[in-house]
N, C-alpha and C. Protein backbone atom coordinates (compact mmCIF):
# COMPACT_ATOMS: atom_id res chain seq x y z
N UNK A 1 96.87 94.07 106.58
CA UNK A 1 95.86 94.20 105.57
C UNK A 1 96.19 95.36 104.68
N UNK A 2 96.21 95.07 103.41
CA UNK A 2 96.52 96.15 102.43
C UNK A 2 95.26 96.98 102.17
N UNK A 3 95.48 98.26 102.23
CA UNK A 3 94.38 99.21 101.92
C UNK A 3 94.45 99.71 100.52
N UNK A 4 93.34 99.66 99.78
CA UNK A 4 93.26 100.10 98.36
C UNK A 4 93.29 101.64 98.42
N UNK A 5 93.60 102.17 97.28
CA UNK A 5 93.50 103.64 97.08
C UNK A 5 92.11 104.12 97.35
N UNK A 6 91.09 103.34 96.89
CA UNK A 6 89.74 103.69 97.01
C UNK A 6 89.45 103.79 98.55
N UNK A 7 89.89 102.78 99.30
CA UNK A 7 89.62 102.81 100.73
C UNK A 7 90.30 104.00 101.47
N UNK A 8 91.50 104.33 101.06
CA UNK A 8 92.25 105.44 101.58
C UNK A 8 91.49 106.71 101.31
N UNK A 9 91.03 106.93 100.08
CA UNK A 9 90.24 108.04 99.69
C UNK A 9 88.90 108.17 100.48
N UNK A 10 88.31 107.05 100.66
CA UNK A 10 87.01 106.99 101.41
C UNK A 10 87.32 107.41 102.91
N UNK A 11 88.33 106.82 103.50
CA UNK A 11 88.62 107.26 104.89
C UNK A 11 89.03 108.71 104.97
N UNK A 12 89.69 109.24 103.97
CA UNK A 12 90.04 110.66 104.04
C UNK A 12 88.81 111.52 103.93
N UNK A 13 87.85 111.14 103.15
CA UNK A 13 86.60 111.86 102.98
C UNK A 13 85.78 111.75 104.32
N UNK A 14 85.78 110.59 104.91
CA UNK A 14 85.07 110.48 106.22
C UNK A 14 85.77 111.38 107.29
N UNK A 15 87.04 111.45 107.30
CA UNK A 15 87.73 112.32 108.24
C UNK A 15 87.39 113.80 108.01
N UNK A 16 87.40 114.21 106.81
CA UNK A 16 87.01 115.60 106.43
C UNK A 16 85.58 115.88 106.90
N UNK A 17 84.65 114.91 106.59
CA UNK A 17 83.22 115.09 107.04
C UNK A 17 83.11 115.26 108.50
N UNK A 18 83.91 114.41 109.19
CA UNK A 18 83.85 114.50 110.68
C UNK A 18 84.41 115.86 111.20
N UNK A 19 85.44 116.36 110.54
CA UNK A 19 85.99 117.65 110.92
C UNK A 19 84.92 118.74 110.70
N UNK A 20 84.13 118.64 109.63
CA UNK A 20 83.08 119.61 109.38
C UNK A 20 82.00 119.59 110.47
N UNK A 21 81.74 118.48 111.05
CA UNK A 21 80.70 118.33 112.02
C UNK A 21 81.08 118.76 113.39
N UNK A 22 82.36 118.91 113.61
CA UNK A 22 82.84 119.36 114.96
C UNK A 22 82.72 120.84 115.13
N UNK A 23 82.10 121.23 116.25
CA UNK A 23 81.98 122.67 116.53
C UNK A 23 83.28 123.24 116.88
N UNK A 24 83.62 124.35 116.37
CA UNK A 24 84.86 125.02 116.68
C UNK A 24 85.96 124.69 115.71
N UNK A 25 85.66 123.88 114.74
CA UNK A 25 86.62 123.43 113.71
C UNK A 25 86.20 124.09 112.36
N UNK A 26 87.09 124.91 111.77
CA UNK A 26 86.77 125.53 110.55
C UNK A 26 87.79 125.01 109.55
N UNK A 27 87.28 124.37 108.48
CA UNK A 27 88.13 123.84 107.39
C UNK A 27 88.17 124.81 106.26
N UNK A 28 89.28 125.54 106.16
CA UNK A 28 89.38 126.57 105.07
C UNK A 28 89.80 125.94 103.77
N UNK A 29 90.66 124.93 103.80
CA UNK A 29 91.14 124.38 102.51
C UNK A 29 91.00 122.86 102.61
N UNK A 30 89.73 122.36 102.33
CA UNK A 30 89.50 120.89 102.53
C UNK A 30 90.28 120.04 101.57
N UNK A 31 90.56 120.48 100.36
CA UNK A 31 91.37 119.68 99.43
C UNK A 31 92.78 119.56 99.92
N UNK A 32 93.41 120.65 100.47
CA UNK A 32 94.70 120.50 100.99
C UNK A 32 94.80 119.56 102.19
N UNK A 33 93.78 119.59 103.05
CA UNK A 33 93.73 118.70 104.19
C UNK A 33 93.53 117.31 103.71
N UNK A 34 92.66 117.10 102.74
CA UNK A 34 92.40 115.76 102.19
C UNK A 34 93.69 115.24 101.56
N UNK A 35 94.42 115.98 100.88
CA UNK A 35 95.71 115.54 100.19
C UNK A 35 96.71 115.04 101.34
N UNK A 36 96.77 115.88 102.38
CA UNK A 36 97.65 115.48 103.46
C UNK A 36 97.21 114.18 104.22
N UNK A 37 95.86 114.03 104.39
CA UNK A 37 95.34 112.87 105.08
C UNK A 37 95.71 111.62 104.16
N UNK A 38 95.46 111.74 102.89
CA UNK A 38 95.68 110.67 101.98
C UNK A 38 97.29 110.25 102.04
N UNK A 39 98.11 111.29 102.11
CA UNK A 39 99.52 111.00 102.13
C UNK A 39 99.88 110.26 103.43
N UNK A 40 99.39 110.74 104.53
CA UNK A 40 99.65 110.12 105.81
C UNK A 40 99.06 108.63 105.86
N UNK A 41 97.87 108.47 105.42
CA UNK A 41 97.31 107.10 105.41
C UNK A 41 98.07 106.19 104.49
N UNK A 42 98.49 106.66 103.35
CA UNK A 42 99.37 105.87 102.44
C UNK A 42 100.70 105.48 103.06
N UNK A 43 101.31 106.38 103.80
CA UNK A 43 102.56 106.05 104.44
C UNK A 43 102.31 104.99 105.52
N UNK A 44 101.24 105.13 106.26
CA UNK A 44 100.94 104.16 107.34
C UNK A 44 100.73 102.82 106.73
N UNK A 45 99.99 102.77 105.63
CA UNK A 45 99.69 101.47 105.00
C UNK A 45 100.96 100.79 104.54
N UNK A 46 101.85 101.59 103.92
CA UNK A 46 103.11 101.06 103.52
C UNK A 46 103.98 100.59 104.66
N UNK A 47 103.98 101.32 105.77
CA UNK A 47 104.69 100.86 106.98
C UNK A 47 104.12 99.55 107.48
N UNK A 48 102.79 99.46 107.62
CA UNK A 48 102.16 98.22 108.03
C UNK A 48 102.50 97.07 107.15
N UNK A 49 102.47 97.35 105.87
CA UNK A 49 102.77 96.22 104.90
C UNK A 49 104.29 95.78 105.09
N UNK A 50 105.15 96.73 105.30
CA UNK A 50 106.56 96.42 105.48
C UNK A 50 106.71 95.60 106.74
N UNK A 51 106.09 96.00 107.84
CA UNK A 51 106.21 95.23 109.11
C UNK A 51 105.58 93.85 108.94
N UNK A 52 104.43 93.75 108.28
CA UNK A 52 103.84 92.50 108.07
C UNK A 52 104.75 91.54 107.29
N UNK A 53 105.38 92.09 106.25
CA UNK A 53 106.31 91.21 105.45
C UNK A 53 107.52 90.75 106.28
N UNK A 54 108.05 91.62 107.12
CA UNK A 54 109.13 91.26 107.96
C UNK A 54 108.74 90.18 109.01
N UNK A 55 107.56 90.38 109.54
CA UNK A 55 107.10 89.35 110.55
C UNK A 55 106.90 87.97 109.85
N UNK A 56 106.25 87.98 108.70
CA UNK A 56 105.99 86.71 107.98
C UNK A 56 107.34 86.06 107.62
N UNK A 57 108.32 86.89 107.22
CA UNK A 57 109.60 86.29 106.86
C UNK A 57 110.27 85.63 108.11
N UNK A 58 110.20 86.31 109.25
CA UNK A 58 110.70 85.75 110.49
C UNK A 58 110.07 84.44 110.88
N UNK A 59 108.67 84.45 110.79
CA UNK A 59 107.88 83.25 111.11
C UNK A 59 108.25 82.07 110.15
N UNK A 60 108.51 82.38 108.88
CA UNK A 60 108.75 81.34 107.87
C UNK A 60 110.17 80.76 108.15
N UNK A 61 111.06 81.51 108.86
CA UNK A 61 112.40 81.00 108.98
C UNK A 61 112.53 80.08 110.18
N UNK A 62 111.48 79.84 110.93
CA UNK A 62 111.50 78.98 112.11
C UNK A 62 111.67 77.54 111.62
N UNK A 63 112.39 76.75 112.45
CA UNK A 63 112.65 75.36 112.06
C UNK A 63 111.32 74.59 111.91
N UNK A 64 110.41 74.92 112.80
CA UNK A 64 109.05 74.27 112.75
C UNK A 64 107.99 75.33 112.62
N UNK A 65 107.77 75.79 111.45
CA UNK A 65 106.81 76.86 111.26
C UNK A 65 105.35 76.35 111.59
N UNK A 66 104.63 77.20 112.27
CA UNK A 66 103.25 76.86 112.60
C UNK A 66 102.43 77.18 111.36
N UNK A 67 101.34 76.36 111.16
CA UNK A 67 100.41 76.63 110.03
C UNK A 67 99.76 77.97 110.15
N UNK A 68 99.85 78.75 109.04
CA UNK A 68 99.21 80.08 109.06
C UNK A 68 97.77 79.98 109.32
N UNK A 69 97.30 80.86 110.25
CA UNK A 69 95.95 80.87 110.63
C UNK A 69 95.54 80.12 111.92
N UNK A 70 96.57 79.24 112.30
CA UNK A 70 96.37 78.47 113.53
C UNK A 70 96.52 79.47 114.70
N UNK A 71 95.98 78.97 115.90
CA UNK A 71 96.16 79.80 117.08
C UNK A 71 97.60 80.05 117.44
N UNK A 72 98.40 78.99 117.29
CA UNK A 72 99.88 79.13 117.56
C UNK A 72 100.48 80.23 116.66
N UNK A 73 100.05 80.18 115.37
CA UNK A 73 100.63 81.16 114.43
C UNK A 73 100.22 82.60 114.75
N UNK A 74 98.96 82.78 115.19
CA UNK A 74 98.47 84.07 115.55
C UNK A 74 99.17 84.60 116.79
N UNK A 75 99.41 83.73 117.77
CA UNK A 75 100.15 84.20 118.93
C UNK A 75 101.55 84.58 118.56
N UNK A 76 102.30 83.78 117.74
CA UNK A 76 103.60 84.00 117.34
C UNK A 76 103.67 85.27 116.44
N UNK A 77 102.63 85.52 115.69
CA UNK A 77 102.58 86.66 114.77
C UNK A 77 102.54 87.95 115.63
N UNK A 78 101.59 87.98 116.62
CA UNK A 78 101.47 89.12 117.45
C UNK A 78 102.66 89.44 118.23
N UNK A 79 103.27 88.43 118.78
CA UNK A 79 104.55 88.55 119.59
C UNK A 79 105.65 89.14 118.75
N UNK A 80 105.83 88.52 117.56
CA UNK A 80 106.90 89.00 116.67
C UNK A 80 106.62 90.34 116.19
N UNK A 81 105.33 90.68 115.87
CA UNK A 81 104.95 92.00 115.41
C UNK A 81 105.34 93.01 116.45
N UNK A 82 105.08 92.74 117.67
CA UNK A 82 105.43 93.69 118.80
C UNK A 82 106.90 93.88 118.88
N UNK A 83 107.66 92.78 118.71
CA UNK A 83 109.12 92.87 118.68
C UNK A 83 109.63 93.74 117.58
N UNK A 84 109.08 93.58 116.39
CA UNK A 84 109.48 94.35 115.24
C UNK A 84 109.23 95.78 115.48
N UNK A 85 108.00 96.13 115.95
CA UNK A 85 107.66 97.53 116.27
C UNK A 85 108.70 98.12 117.31
N UNK A 86 108.94 97.36 118.39
CA UNK A 86 109.84 97.84 119.38
C UNK A 86 111.20 98.13 118.75
N UNK A 87 111.71 97.27 117.98
CA UNK A 87 112.99 97.41 117.30
C UNK A 87 113.06 98.62 116.35
N UNK A 88 112.00 98.71 115.55
CA UNK A 88 111.99 99.83 114.56
C UNK A 88 111.83 101.18 115.17
N UNK A 89 111.00 101.25 116.25
CA UNK A 89 110.71 102.51 116.87
C UNK A 89 111.34 102.75 118.18
N UNK A 90 112.18 101.80 118.54
CA UNK A 90 112.96 101.87 119.84
C UNK A 90 112.06 102.18 121.03
N UNK A 91 111.03 101.42 121.08
CA UNK A 91 110.11 101.67 122.22
C UNK A 91 110.51 100.80 123.40
């Protein structure tokens, strides 16, 4: 699922708010932290999008591709996604 910039900014704001509510956590530079959170969330979104594209490409290359959205396709998608993660991150 692709995250919009608005969604990323909203999540960053929620994380900052949650940090403010935790006892023992002092946020001295919320804008610097927010910028870093946005950067990390954006990188993660790009990584997820890249993995999703690779998985879809693999599934489309099958001789008998399952219809997208079917139970068979969902099972193959999850299995292939796990394989791609293991290969990329050597888990």
